[in-house]
Amino acid sequence: MCVNVKRIEECQGFMPIIHVTDLSGETRTIEAEVGLTLMEAIRDAGLDDLQAICGGCCSCATCHVHVAQAWLAKLPEPESDEAELVCETESYRPNSRLSCQIELTEALDGLEVTIAPAE
């Protein structure tokens, strides 16, 4: 039990804030657990625009998001299978990523993404 802690995160665990813009252009701010994937966090928050049909297996590209430019350098480089899948989508951009391949960390607090249109 935490007693007399200065920061609430020390007691409860840090929860990164993620800003997600849906297909209608509305931005929602969600909290996510460290260690979840971005896809899991978006799905758990009830944003239905992200289909995530394969459940995070990196095999369908239905969890495609566009990452705000300011955040790209803070993400690890995509693996070859992710890069291949996302490049084949109609809504591909240089800032495209599969949200199932982005593990949330404290360093991603404030991350901004836009859900890509479904194919």
PDB file of N, CA and C in Angstrom:
ATOM      1  N   MET A   1       0.842  -1.191   0.000  1.00  0.00           N
ATOM      2  CA  MET A   1       0.000   0.000   0.000  1.00  0.00           C
ATOM      3  C   MET A   1       0.876   1.238   0.000  1.00  0.00           C
ATOM      4  N   CYS A   2       0.514   2.198  -0.788  1.00  0.00           N
ATOM      5  CA  CYS A   2       1.286   3.433  -0.880  1.00  0.00           C
ATOM      6  C   CYS A   2       0.807   4.434   0.156  1.00  0.00           C
ATOM      7  N   VAL A   3       1.731   4.959   0.893  1.00  0.00           N
ATOM      8  CA  VAL A   3       1.405   5.982   1.868  1.00  0.00           C
ATOM      9  C   VAL A   3       2.385   7.135   1.678  1.00  0.00           C
ATOM     10  N   ASN A   4       1.843   8.356   1.640  1.00  0.00           N
ATOM     11  CA  ASN A   4       2.647   9.565   1.516  1.00  0.00           C
ATOM     12  C   ASN A   4       3.514   9.601   0.260  1.00  0.00           C
ATOM     13  N   VAL A   5       3.007   9.138  -0.830  1.00  0.00           N
ATOM     14  CA  VAL A   5       3.767   9.264  -2.070  1.00  0.00           C
ATOM     15  C   VAL A   5       3.497  10.605  -2.705  1.00  0.00           C
ATOM     16  N   LYS A   6       4.511  11.133  -3.369  1.00  0.00           N
ATOM     17  CA  LYS A   6       4.365  12.437  -3.993  1.00  0.00           C
ATOM     18  C   LYS A   6       3.658  12.351  -5.322  1.00  0.00           C
ATOM     19  N   ARG A   7       3.814  11.244  -6.009  1.00  0.00           N
ATOM     20  CA  ARG A   7       3.209  11.108  -7.327  1.00  0.00           C
ATOM     21  C   ARG A   7       2.240   9.943  -7.332  1.00  0.00           C
ATOM     22  N   ILE A   8       1.048  10.165  -7.843  1.00  0.00           N
ATOM     23  CA  ILE A   8       0.043   9.108  -7.876  1.00  0.00           C
ATOM     24  C   ILE A   8       0.488   7.943  -8.750  1.00  0.00           C
ATOM     25  N   GLU A   9       1.330   8.202  -9.775  1.00  0.00           N
ATOM     26  CA  GLU A   9       1.803   7.131 -10.637  1.00  0.00           C
ATOM     27  C   GLU A   9       2.589   6.093  -9.857  1.00  0.00           C
ATOM     28  N   GLU A  10       3.317   6.526  -8.835  1.00  0.00           N
ATOM     29  CA  GLU A  10       4.098   5.596  -8.043  1.00  0.00           C
ATOM     30  C   GLU A  10       3.204   4.610  -7.309  1.00  0.00           C
ATOM     31  N   CYS A  11       1.998   4.992  -7.012  1.00  0.00           N
ATOM     32  CA  CYS A  11       1.062   4.147  -6.301  1.00  0.00           C
ATOM     33  C   CYS A  11       0.268   3.259  -7.254  1.00  0.00           C
ATOM     34  N   GLN A  12      -0.184   3.820  -8.349  1.00  0.00           N
ATOM     35  CA  GLN A  12      -1.106   3.113  -9.223  1.00  0.00           C
ATOM     36  C   GLN A  12      -0.483   2.586 -10.506  1.00  0.00           C
ATOM     37  N   GLY A  13       0.674   3.030 -10.874  1.00  0.00           N
ATOM     38  CA  GLY A  13       1.248   2.649 -12.160  1.00  0.00           C
ATOM     39  C   GLY A  13       0.945   3.718 -13.190  1.00  0.00           C
ATOM     40  N   PHE A  14       1.937   4.030 -13.992  1.00  0.00           N
ATOM     41  CA  PHE A  14       1.803   5.090 -14.976  1.00  0.00           C
ATOM     42  C   PHE A  14       0.921   4.638 -16.125  1.00  0.00           C
ATOM     43  N   MET A  15       0.022   5.495 -16.574  1.00  0.00           N
ATOM     44  CA  MET A  15      -0.879   5.211 -17.690  1.00  0.00           C
ATOM     45  C   MET A  15      -0.642   6.265 -18.776  1.00  0.00           C
ATOM     46  N   PRO A  16       0.016   5.886 -19.880  1.00  0.00           N
ATOM     47  CA  PRO A  16       0.225   6.861 -20.952  1.00  0.00           C
ATOM     48  C   PRO A  16      -1.101   7.347 -21.540  1.00  0.00           C
ATOM     49  N   ILE A  17      -1.099   8.596 -21.936  1.00  0.00           N
ATOM     50  CA  ILE A  17      -2.241   9.214 -22.606  1.00  0.00           C
ATOM     51  C   ILE A  17      -1.995   9.118 -24.111  1.00  0.00           C
ATOM     52  N   ILE A  18      -3.022   8.698 -24.851  1.00  0.00           N
ATOM     53  CA  ILE A  18      -2.936   8.576 -26.297  1.00  0.00           C
ATOM     54  C   ILE A  18      -4.073   9.392 -26.909  1.00  0.00           C
ATOM     55  N   HIS A  19      -3.769  10.174 -27.930  1.00  0.00           N
ATOM     56  CA  HIS A  19      -4.769  10.975 -28.637  1.00  0.00           C
ATOM     57  C   HIS A  19      -5.065  10.275 -29.963  1.00  0.00           C
ATOM     58  N   VAL A  20      -6.306   9.813 -30.127  1.00  0.00           N
ATOM     59  CA  VAL A  20      -6.694   9.025 -31.295  1.00  0.00           C
ATOM     60  C   VAL A  20      -7.776   9.767 -32.077  1.00  0.00           C
ATOM     61  N   THR A  21      -7.496  10.052 -33.336  1.00  0.00           N
ATOM     62  CA  THR A  21      -8.482  10.679 -34.210  1.00  0.00           C
ATOM     63  C   THR A  21      -9.160   9.577 -35.020  1.00  0.00           C
ATOM     64  N   ASP A  22     -10.498   9.549 -34.957  1.00  0.00           N
ATOM     65  CA  ASP A  22     -11.246   8.501 -35.652  1.00  0.00           C
ATOM     66  C   ASP A  22     -11.545   8.912 -37.092  1.00  0.00           C
ATOM     67  N   LEU A  23     -12.291   8.078 -37.788  1.00  0.00           N
ATOM     68  CA  LEU A  23     -12.572   8.333 -39.207  1.00  0.00           C
ATOM     69  C   LEU A  23     -13.445   9.553 -39.450  1.00  0.00           C
ATOM     70  N   SER A  24     -14.211   9.978 -38.438  1.00  0.00           N
ATOM     71  CA  SER A  24     -15.048  11.169 -38.591  1.00  0.00           C
ATOM     72  C   SER A  24     -14.276  12.451 -38.288  1.00  0.00           C
ATOM     73  N   GLY A  25     -13.024  12.310 -37.836  1.00  0.00           N
ATOM     74  CA  GLY A  25     -12.209  13.479 -37.512  1.00  0.00           C
ATOM     75  C   GLY A  25     -12.264  13.876 -36.052  1.00  0.00           C
ATOM     76  N   GLU A  26     -13.004  13.133 -35.245  1.00  0.00           N
ATOM     77  CA  GLU A  26     -13.093  13.420 -33.811  1.00  0.00           C
ATOM     78  C   GLU A  26     -11.886  12.819 -33.095  1.00  0.00           C
ATOM     79  N   THR A  27     -11.268  13.620 -32.228  1.00  0.00           N
ATOM     80  CA  THR A  27     -10.123  13.134 -31.465  1.00  0.00           C
ATOM     81  C   THR A  27     -10.563  12.797 -30.053  1.00  0.00           C
ATOM     82  N   ARG A  28     -10.220  11.587 -29.643  1.00  0.00           N
ATOM     83  CA  ARG A  28     -10.498  11.129 -28.278  1.00  0.00           C
ATOM     84  C   ARG A  28      -9.185  10.895 -27.572  1.00  0.00           C
ATOM     85  N   THR A  29      -9.155  11.233 -26.314  1.00  0.00           N
ATOM     86  CA  THR A  29      -7.982  10.996 -25.493  1.00  0.00           C
ATOM     87  C   THR A  29      -8.272   9.784 -24.623  1.00  0.00           C
ATOM     88  N   ILE A  30      -7.375   8.802 -24.695  1.00  0.00           N
ATOM     89  CA  ILE A  30      -7.558   7.585 -23.919  1.00  0.00           C
ATOM     90  C   ILE A  30      -6.337   7.351 -23.041  1.00  0.00           C
ATOM     91  N   GLU A  31      -6.530   6.610 -21.969  1.00  0.00           N
ATOM     92  CA  GLU A  31      -5.432   6.150 -21.136  1.00  0.00           C
ATOM     93  C   GLU A  31      -5.196   4.686 -21.462  1.00  0.00           C
ATOM     94  N   ALA A  32      -3.947   4.274 -21.399  1.00  0.00           N
ATOM     95  CA  ALA A  32      -3.620   2.895 -21.740  1.00  0.00           C
ATOM     96  C   ALA A  32      -2.590   2.352 -20.763  1.00  0.00           C
ATOM     97  N   GLU A  33      -2.612   1.058 -20.596  1.00  0.00           N
ATOM     98  CA  GLU A  33      -1.621   0.413 -19.745  1.00  0.00           C
ATOM     99  C   GLU A  33      -0.310   0.259 -20.493  1.00  0.00           C
ATOM    100  N   VAL A  34       0.786   0.509 -19.791  1.00  0.00           N
ATOM    101  CA  VAL A  34       2.109   0.238 -20.341  1.00  0.00           C
ATOM    102  C   VAL A  34       2.175  -1.262 -20.617  1.00  0.00           C
ATOM    103  N   GLY A  35       2.711  -1.616 -21.785  1.00  0.00           N
ATOM    104  CA  GLY A  35       2.846  -3.018 -22.153  1.00  0.00           C
ATOM    105  C   GLY A  35       1.782  -3.505 -23.121  1.00  0.00           C
ATOM    106  N   LEU A  36       0.641  -2.814 -23.169  1.00  0.00           N
ATOM    107  CA  LEU A  36      -0.363  -3.148 -24.175  1.00  0.00           C
ATOM    108  C   LEU A  36       0.125  -2.665 -25.529  1.00  0.00           C
ATOM    109  N   THR A  37      -0.442  -3.201 -26.582  1.00  0.00           N
ATOM    110  CA  THR A  37      -0.177  -2.622 -27.896  1.00  0.00           C
ATOM    111  C   THR A  37      -1.140  -1.463 -28.094  1.00  0.00           C
ATOM    112  N   LEU A  38      -0.786  -0.585 -29.008  1.00  0.00           N
ATOM    113  CA  LEU A  38      -1.666   0.527 -29.337  1.00  0.00           C
ATOM    114  C   LEU A  38      -3.013   0.007 -29.815  1.00  0.00           C
ATOM    115  N   MET A  39      -3.012  -1.072 -30.587  1.00  0.00           N
ATOM    116  CA  MET A  39      -4.260  -1.670 -31.065  1.00  0.00           C
ATOM    117  C   MET A  39      -5.150  -2.094 -29.894  1.00  0.00           C
ATOM    118  N   GLU A  40      -4.570  -2.754 -28.910  1.00  0.00           N
ATOM    119  CA  GLU A  40      -5.342  -3.204 -27.752  1.00  0.00           C
ATOM    120  C   GLU A  40      -5.931  -2.011 -26.997  1.00  0.00           C
ATOM    121  N   ALA A  41      -5.138  -0.960 -26.843  1.00  0.00           N
ATOM    122  CA  ALA A  41      -5.606   0.225 -26.127  1.00  0.00           C
ATOM    123  C   ALA A  41      -6.774   0.893 -26.856  1.00  0.00           C
ATOM    124  N   ILE A  42      -6.664   1.012 -28.175  1.00  0.00           N
ATOM    125  CA  ILE A  42      -7.735   1.632 -28.960  1.00  0.00           C
ATOM    126  C   ILE A  42      -8.988   0.763 -28.908  1.00  0.00           C
ATOM    127  N   ARG A  43      -8.828  -0.524 -29.076  1.00  0.00           N
ATOM    128  CA  ARG A  43      -9.960  -1.456 -29.025  1.00  0.00           C
ATOM    129  C   ARG A  43     -10.620  -1.416 -27.643  1.00  0.00           C
ATOM    130  N   ASP A  44      -9.815  -1.469 -26.585  1.00  0.00           N
ATOM    131  CA  ASP A  44     -10.349  -1.464 -25.224  1.00  0.00           C
ATOM    132  C   ASP A  44     -11.080  -0.168 -24.894  1.00  0.00           C
ATOM    133  N   ALA A  45     -10.711   0.923 -25.569  1.00  0.00           N
ATOM    134  CA  ALA A  45     -11.370   2.214 -25.353  1.00  0.00           C
ATOM    135  C   ALA A  45     -12.699   2.308 -26.096  1.00  0.00           C
ATOM    136  N   GLY A  46     -13.010   1.306 -26.912  1.00  0.00           N
ATOM    137  CA  GLY A  46     -14.297   1.276 -27.600  1.00  0.00           C
ATOM    138  C   GLY A  46     -14.351   2.045 -28.905  1.00  0.00           C
ATOM    139  N   LEU A  47     -13.211   2.336 -29.493  1.00  0.00           N
ATOM    140  CA  LEU A  47     -13.208   3.015 -30.790  1.00  0.00           C
ATOM    141  C   LEU A  47     -13.395   1.960 -31.882  1.00  0.00           C
ATOM    142  N   ASP A  48     -14.575   1.929 -32.451  1.00  0.00           N
ATOM    143  CA  ASP A  48     -14.948   0.887 -33.406  1.00  0.00           C
ATOM    144  C   ASP A  48     -14.358   1.068 -34.800  1.00  0.00           C
ATOM    145  N   ASP A  49     -13.786   2.220 -35.097  1.00  0.00           N
ATOM    146  CA  ASP A  49     -13.236   2.455 -36.427  1.00  0.00           C
ATOM    147  C   ASP A  49     -12.017   1.577 -36.720  1.00  0.00           C
ATOM    148  N   LEU A  50     -11.349   1.119 -35.681  1.00  0.00           N
ATOM    149  CA  LEU A  50     -10.180   0.258 -35.844  1.00  0.00           C
ATOM    150  C   LEU A  50     -10.660  -1.183 -35.824  1.00  0.00           C
ATOM    151  N   GLN A  51     -10.612  -1.847 -36.966  1.00  0.00           N
ATOM    152  CA  GLN A  51     -11.177  -3.192 -37.076  1.00  0.00           C
ATOM    153  C   GLN A  51     -10.334  -4.259 -36.394  1.00  0.00           C
ATOM    154  N   ALA A  52      -9.039  -4.267 -36.608  1.00  0.00           N
ATOM    155  CA  ALA A  52      -8.123  -5.223 -35.974  1.00  0.00           C
ATOM    156  C   ALA A  52      -8.619  -6.659 -36.098  1.00  0.00           C
ATOM    157  N   ILE A  53      -8.929  -7.064 -37.314  1.00  0.00           N
ATOM    158  CA  ILE A  53      -9.543  -8.368 -37.576  1.00  0.00           C
ATOM    159  C   ILE A  53      -8.672  -9.539 -37.126  1.00  0.00           C
ATOM    160  N   CYS A  54      -7.370  -9.471 -37.326  1.00  0.00           N
ATOM    161  CA  CYS A  54      -6.516 -10.610 -36.970  1.00  0.00           C
ATOM    162  C   CYS A  54      -6.169 -10.644 -35.489  1.00  0.00           C
ATOM    163  N   GLY A  55      -6.584  -9.641 -34.741  1.00  0.00           N
ATOM    164  CA  GLY A  55      -6.350  -9.645 -33.300  1.00  0.00           C
ATOM    165  C   GLY A  55      -4.934  -9.328 -32.877  1.00  0.00           C
ATOM    166  N   GLY A  56      -4.136  -8.813 -33.776  1.00  0.00           N
ATOM    167  CA  GLY A  56      -2.785  -8.402 -33.415  1.00  0.00           C
ATOM    168  C   GLY A  56      -1.693  -9.324 -33.915  1.00  0.00           C
ATOM    169  N   CYS A  57      -1.995 -10.150 -34.886  1.00  0.00           N
ATOM    170  CA  CYS A  57      -1.020 -11.116 -35.424  1.00  0.00           C
ATOM    171  C   CYS A  57      -0.174 -10.556 -36.557  1.00  0.00           C
ATOM    172  N   CYS A  58      -0.365  -9.309 -36.914  1.00  0.00           N
ATOM    173  CA  CYS A  58       0.377  -8.676 -38.006  1.00  0.00           C
ATOM    174  C   CYS A  58       0.160  -9.425 -39.311  1.00  0.00           C
ATOM    175  N   SER A  59      -1.133  -9.694 -39.602  1.00  0.00           N
ATOM    176  CA  SER A  59      -1.405 -10.436 -40.834  1.00  0.00           C
ATOM    177  C   SER A  59      -2.517  -9.842 -41.680  1.00  0.00           C
ATOM    178  N   CYS A  60      -3.065  -8.658 -41.284  1.00  0.00           N
ATOM    179  CA  CYS A  60      -4.195  -8.165 -42.070  1.00  0.00           C
ATOM    180  C   CYS A  60      -4.175  -6.661 -42.362  1.00  0.00           C
ATOM    181  N   ALA A  61      -3.471  -5.857 -41.621  1.00  0.00           N
ATOM    182  CA  ALA A  61      -3.383  -4.399 -41.794  1.00  0.00           C
ATOM    183  C   ALA A  61      -4.683  -3.666 -41.484  1.00  0.00           C
ATOM    184  N   THR A  62      -5.625  -4.297 -40.787  1.00  0.00           N
ATOM    185  CA  THR A  62      -6.866  -3.604 -40.432  1.00  0.00           C
ATOM    186  C   THR A  62      -6.744  -2.802 -39.143  1.00  0.00           C
ATOM    187  N   CYS A  63      -5.558  -2.706 -38.614  1.00  0.00           N
ATOM    188  CA  CYS A  63      -5.310  -1.843 -37.453  1.00  0.00           C
ATOM    189  C   CYS A  63      -4.373  -0.694 -37.842  1.00  0.00           C
ATOM    190  N   HIS A  64      -4.388  -0.358 -39.119  1.00  0.00           N
ATOM    191  CA  HIS A  64      -3.536   0.670 -39.709  1.00  0.00           C
ATOM    192  C   HIS A  64      -3.843   2.042 -39.107  1.00  0.00           C
ATOM    193  N   VAL A  65      -2.788   2.743 -38.698  1.00  0.00           N
ATOM    194  CA  VAL A  65      -2.921   4.117 -38.202  1.00  0.00           C
ATOM    195  C   VAL A  65      -1.856   4.984 -38.860  1.00  0.00           C
ATOM    196  N   HIS A  66      -2.117   6.286 -38.860  1.00  0.00           N
ATOM    197  CA  HIS A  66      -1.124   7.279 -39.274  1.00  0.00           C
ATOM    198  C   HIS A  66      -0.621   7.941 -38.000  1.00  0.00           C
ATOM    199  N   VAL A  67       0.659   7.866 -37.781  1.00  0.00           N
ATOM    200  CA  VAL A  67       1.294   8.416 -36.582  1.00  0.00           C
ATOM    201  C   VAL A  67       1.688   9.860 -36.862  1.00  0.00           C
ATOM    202  N   ALA A  68       1.385  10.749 -35.922  1.00  0.00           N
ATOM    203  CA  ALA A  68       1.781  12.156 -36.074  1.00  0.00           C
ATOM    204  C   ALA A  68       3.299  12.234 -36.258  1.00  0.00           C
ATOM    205  N   GLN A  69       3.722  13.078 -37.181  1.00  0.00           N
ATOM    206  CA  GLN A  69       5.140  13.206 -37.541  1.00  0.00           C
ATOM    207  C   GLN A  69       6.058  13.356 -36.332  1.00  0.00           C
ATOM    208  N   ALA A  70       5.635  14.135 -35.358  1.00  0.00           N
ATOM    209  CA  ALA A  70       6.473  14.393 -34.189  1.00  0.00           C
ATOM    210  C   ALA A  70       6.772  13.133 -33.387  1.00  0.00           C
ATOM    211  N   TRP A  71       6.005  12.091 -33.589  1.00  0.00           N
ATOM    212  CA  TRP A  71       6.155  10.861 -32.802  1.00  0.00           C
ATOM    213  C   TRP A  71       6.899   9.760 -33.550  1.00  0.00           C
ATOM    214  N   LEU A  72       7.104   9.879 -34.824  1.00  0.00           N
ATOM    215  CA  LEU A  72       7.712   8.789 -35.591  1.00  0.00           C
ATOM    216  C   LEU A  72       9.091   8.385 -35.084  1.00  0.00           C
ATOM    217  N   ALA A  73       9.915   9.341 -34.747  1.00  0.00           N
ATOM    218  CA  ALA A  73      11.274   9.039 -34.292  1.00  0.00           C
ATOM    219  C   ALA A  73      11.289   8.354 -32.924  1.00  0.00           C
ATOM    220  N   LYS A  74      10.198   8.438 -32.185  1.00  0.00           N
ATOM    221  CA  LYS A  74      10.137   7.815 -30.856  1.00  0.00           C
ATOM    222  C   LYS A  74       9.692   6.360 -30.917  1.00  0.00           C
ATOM    223  N   LEU A  75       9.298   5.915 -32.110  1.00  0.00           N
ATOM    224  CA  LEU A  75       8.859   4.532 -32.286  1.00  0.00           C
ATOM    225  C   LEU A  75       9.988   3.694 -32.856  1.00  0.00           C
ATOM    226  N   PRO A  76      10.028   2.409 -32.488  1.00  0.00           N
ATOM    227  CA  PRO A  76      11.009   1.545 -33.142  1.00  0.00           C
ATOM    228  C   PRO A  76      10.664   1.378 -34.620  1.00  0.00           C
ATOM    229  N   GLU A  77      11.659   1.100 -35.423  1.00  0.00           N
ATOM    230  CA  GLU A  77      11.443   0.876 -36.850  1.00  0.00           C
ATOM    231  C   GLU A  77      10.523  -0.336 -37.030  1.00  0.00           C
ATOM    232  N   PRO A  78       9.664  -0.302 -38.042  1.00  0.00           N
ATOM    233  CA  PRO A  78       8.797  -1.460 -38.284  1.00  0.00           C
ATOM    234  C   PRO A  78       9.605  -2.666 -38.771  1.00  0.00           C
ATOM    235  N   GLU A  79       9.173  -3.857 -38.360  1.00  0.00           N
ATOM    236  CA  GLU A  79       9.760  -5.091 -38.877  1.00  0.00           C
ATOM    237  C   GLU A  79       9.350  -5.231 -40.342  1.00  0.00           C
ATOM    238  N   SER A  80      10.003  -6.088 -41.075  1.00  0.00           N
ATOM    239  CA  SER A  80       9.748  -6.223 -42.510  1.00  0.00           C
ATOM    240  C   SER A  80       8.322  -6.669 -42.815  1.00  0.00           C
ATOM    241  N   ASP A  81       7.740  -7.559 -42.003  1.00  0.00           N
ATOM    242  CA  ASP A  81       6.371  -8.015 -42.283  1.00  0.00           C
ATOM    243  C   ASP A  81       5.367  -6.882 -42.099  1.00  0.00           C
ATOM    244  N   GLU A  82       5.563  -6.047 -41.087  1.00  0.00           N
ATOM    245  CA  GLU A  82       4.685  -4.888 -40.903  1.00  0.00           C
ATOM    246  C   GLU A  82       4.840  -3.915 -42.063  1.00  0.00           C
ATOM    247  N   ALA A  83       6.062  -3.611 -42.419  1.00  0.00           N
ATOM    248  CA  ALA A  83       6.317  -2.657 -43.504  1.00  0.00           C
ATOM    249  C   ALA A  83       5.687  -3.134 -44.811  1.00  0.00           C
ATOM    250  N   GLU A  84       5.797  -4.426 -45.086  1.00  0.00           N
ATOM    251  CA  GLU A  84       5.216  -4.969 -46.313  1.00  0.00           C
ATOM    252  C   GLU A  84       3.689  -4.861 -46.309  1.00  0.00           C
ATOM    253  N   LEU A  85       3.057  -5.228 -45.197  1.00  0.00           N
ATOM    254  CA  LEU A  85       1.594  -5.157 -45.102  1.00  0.00           C
ATOM    255  C   LEU A  85       1.080  -3.734 -45.256  1.00  0.00           C
ATOM    256  N   VAL A  86       1.675  -2.809 -44.538  1.00  0.00           N
ATOM    257  CA  VAL A  86       1.161  -1.439 -44.528  1.00  0.00           C
ATOM    258  C   VAL A  86       1.421  -0.741 -45.860  1.00  0.00           C
ATOM    259  N   CYS A  87       2.510  -1.081 -46.533  1.00  0.00           N
ATOM    260  CA  CYS A  87       2.819  -0.477 -47.837  1.00  0.00           C
ATOM    261  C   CYS A  87       1.807  -0.863 -48.907  1.00  0.00           C
ATOM    262  N   GLU A  88       1.139  -1.988 -48.728  1.00  0.00           N
ATOM    263  CA  GLU A  88       0.183  -2.467 -49.722  1.00  0.00           C
ATOM    264  C   GLU A  88      -1.214  -1.885 -49.539  1.00  0.00           C
ATOM    265  N   THR A  89      -1.421  -1.079 -48.523  1.00  0.00           N
ATOM    266  CA  THR A  89      -2.744  -0.508 -48.288  1.00  0.00           C
ATOM    267  C   THR A  89      -2.962   0.717 -49.166  1.00  0.00           C
ATOM    268  N   GLU A  90      -4.216   0.984 -49.485  1.00  0.00           N
ATOM    269  CA  GLU A  90      -4.557   2.146 -50.305  1.00  0.00           C
ATOM    270  C   GLU A  90      -4.305   3.461 -49.584  1.00  0.00           C
ATOM    271  N   SER A  91      -4.376   3.432 -48.265  1.00  0.00           N
ATOM    272  CA  SER A  91      -4.200   4.662 -47.486  1.00  0.00           C
ATOM    273  C   SER A  91      -2.794   4.785 -46.902  1.00  0.00           C
ATOM    274  N   TYR A  92      -1.835   4.086 -47.521  1.00  0.00           N
ATOM    275  CA  TYR A  92      -0.452   4.149 -47.052  1.00  0.00           C
ATOM    276  C   TYR A  92       0.110   5.558 -47.143  1.00  0.00           C
ATOM    277  N   ARG A  93       0.853   5.932 -46.115  1.00  0.00           N
ATOM    278  CA  ARG A  93       1.626   7.175 -46.069  1.00  0.00           C
ATOM    279  C   ARG A  93       2.969   6.848 -45.430  1.00  0.00           C
ATOM    280  N   PRO A  94       3.952   7.709 -45.537  1.00  0.00           N
ATOM    281  CA  PRO A  94       5.236   7.441 -44.883  1.00  0.00           C
ATOM    282  C   PRO A  94       5.128   7.296 -43.358  1.00  0.00           C
ATOM    283  N   ASN A  95       4.066   7.828 -42.779  1.00  0.00           N
ATOM    284  CA  ASN A  95       3.879   7.733 -41.324  1.00  0.00           C
ATOM    285  C   ASN A  95       2.895   6.623 -40.943  1.00  0.00           C
ATOM    286  N   SER A  96       2.663   5.681 -41.862  1.00  0.00           N
ATOM    287  CA  SER A  96       1.756   4.565 -41.605  1.00  0.00           C
ATOM    288  C   SER A  96       2.423   3.509 -40.728  1.00  0.00           C
ATOM    289  N   ARG A  97       1.653   2.988 -39.785  1.00  0.00           N
ATOM    290  CA  ARG A  97       2.099   1.878 -38.942  1.00  0.00           C
ATOM    291  C   ARG A  97       0.903   0.989 -38.634  1.00  0.00           C
ATOM    292  N   LEU A  98       1.176  -0.244 -38.237  1.00  0.00           N
ATOM    293  CA  LEU A  98       0.140  -1.130 -37.725  1.00  0.00           C
ATOM    294  C   LEU A  98       0.132  -0.974 -36.217  1.00  0.00           C
ATOM    295  N   SER A  99      -1.017  -0.631 -35.678  1.00  0.00           N
ATOM    296  CA  SER A  99      -1.098  -0.364 -34.233  1.00  0.00           C
ATOM    297  C   SER A  99      -0.845  -1.609 -33.396  1.00  0.00           C
ATOM    298  N   CYS A 100      -0.995  -2.793 -33.985  1.00  0.00           N
ATOM    299  CA  CYS A 100      -0.719  -4.028 -33.239  1.00  0.00           C
ATOM    300  C   CYS A 100       0.770  -4.227 -33.013  1.00  0.00           C
ATOM    301  N   GLN A 101       1.597  -3.476 -33.708  1.00  0.00           N
ATOM    302  CA  GLN A 101       3.046  -3.628 -33.605  1.00  0.00           C
ATOM    303  C   GLN A 101       3.707  -2.538 -32.775  1.00  0.00           C
ATOM    304  N   ILE A 102       2.903  -1.669 -32.170  1.00  0.00           N
ATOM    305  CA  ILE A 102       3.444  -0.585 -31.330  1.00  0.00           C
ATOM    306  C   ILE A 102       3.122  -0.891 -29.880  1.00  0.00           C
ATOM    307  N   GLU A 103       4.153  -1.262 -29.126  1.00  0.00           N
ATOM    308  CA  GLU A 103       3.967  -1.513 -27.693  1.00  0.00           C
ATOM    309  C   GLU A 103       4.042  -0.188 -26.947  1.00  0.00           C
ATOM    310  N   LEU A 104       3.072   0.037 -26.073  1.00  0.00           N
ATOM    311  CA  LEU A 104       3.012   1.302 -25.339  1.00  0.00           C
ATOM    312  C   LEU A 104       3.988   1.304 -24.176  1.00  0.00           C
ATOM    313  N   THR A 105       4.711   2.406 -24.070  1.00  0.00           N
ATOM    314  CA  THR A 105       5.681   2.621 -23.001  1.00  0.00           C
ATOM    315  C   THR A 105       5.433   3.999 -22.402  1.00  0.00           C
ATOM    316  N   GLU A 106       6.098   4.277 -21.315  1.00  0.00           N
ATOM    317  CA  GLU A 106       5.985   5.605 -20.702  1.00  0.00           C
ATOM    318  C   GLU A 106       6.462   6.689 -21.669  1.00  0.00           C
ATOM    319  N   ALA A 107       7.427   6.366 -22.521  1.00  0.00           N
ATOM    320  CA  ALA A 107       7.970   7.342 -23.479  1.00  0.00           C
ATOM    321  C   ALA A 107       6.947   7.754 -24.525  1.00  0.00           C
ATOM    322  N   LEU A 108       5.867   6.986 -24.676  1.00  0.00           N
ATOM    323  CA  LEU A 108       4.849   7.312 -25.678  1.00  0.00           C
ATOM    324  C   LEU A 108       3.667   8.078 -25.077  1.00  0.00           C
ATOM    325  N   ASP A 109       3.823   8.597 -23.879  1.00  0.00           N
ATOM    326  CA  ASP A 109       2.786   9.422 -23.265  1.00  0.00           C
ATOM    327  C   ASP A 109       2.549  10.655 -24.126  1.00  0.00           C
ATOM    328  N   GLY A 110       1.315  10.816 -24.605  1.00  0.00           N
ATOM    329  CA  GLY A 110       0.973  11.938 -25.477  1.00  0.00           C
ATOM    330  C   GLY A 110       0.936  11.564 -26.953  1.00  0.00           C
ATOM    331  N   LEU A 111       1.213  10.308 -27.284  1.00  0.00           N
ATOM    332  CA  LEU A 111       1.220   9.840 -28.668  1.00  0.00           C
ATOM    333  C   LEU A 111      -0.048  10.271 -29.397  1.00  0.00           C
ATOM    334  N   GLU A 112       0.101  10.701 -30.649  1.00  0.00           N
ATOM    335  CA  GLU A 112      -1.030  11.135 -31.483  1.00  0.00           C
ATOM    336  C   GLU A 112      -1.087  10.268 -32.730  1.00  0.00           C
ATOM    337  N   VAL A 113      -2.242   9.640 -32.948  1.00  0.00           N
ATOM    338  CA  VAL A 113      -2.446   8.807 -34.139  1.00  0.00           C
ATOM    339  C   VAL A 113      -3.807   9.081 -34.732  1.00  0.00           C
ATOM    340  N   THR A 114      -3.937   8.776 -36.017  1.00  0.00           N
ATOM    341  CA  THR A 114      -5.211   8.867 -36.731  1.00  0.00           C
ATOM    342  C   THR A 114      -5.494   7.495 -37.321  1.00  0.00           C
ATOM    343  N   ILE A 115      -6.683   6.989 -37.106  1.00  0.00           N
ATOM    344  CA  ILE A 115      -7.067   5.695 -37.662  1.00  0.00           C
ATOM    345  C   ILE A 115      -7.185   5.856 -39.178  1.00  0.00           C
ATOM    346  N   ALA A 116      -6.525   4.969 -39.904  1.00  0.00           N
ATOM    347  CA  ALA A 116      -6.558   5.013 -41.367  1.00  0.00           C
ATOM    348  C   ALA A 116      -7.880   4.426 -41.864  1.00  0.00           C
ATOM    349  N   PRO A 117      -8.347   4.912 -43.008  1.00  0.00           N
ATOM    350  CA  PRO A 117      -9.585   4.362 -43.573  1.00  0.00           C
ATOM    351  C   PRO A 117      -9.434   2.870 -43.878  1.00  0.00           C
ATOM    352  N   ALA A 118     -10.518   2.122 -43.683  1.00  0.00           N
ATOM    353  CA  ALA A 118     -10.516   0.692 -43.981  1.00  0.00           C
ATOM    354  C   ALA A 118     -10.441   0.500 -45.498  1.00  0.00           C
ATOM    355  N   GLU A 119      -9.862  -0.573 -45.886  1.00  0.00           N
ATOM    356  CA  GLU A 119      -9.716  -0.896 -47.317  1.00  0.00           C
ATOM    357  C   GLU A 119     -11.018  -1.388 -47.875  1.00  0.00           C
TER     358      GLU A 119
END
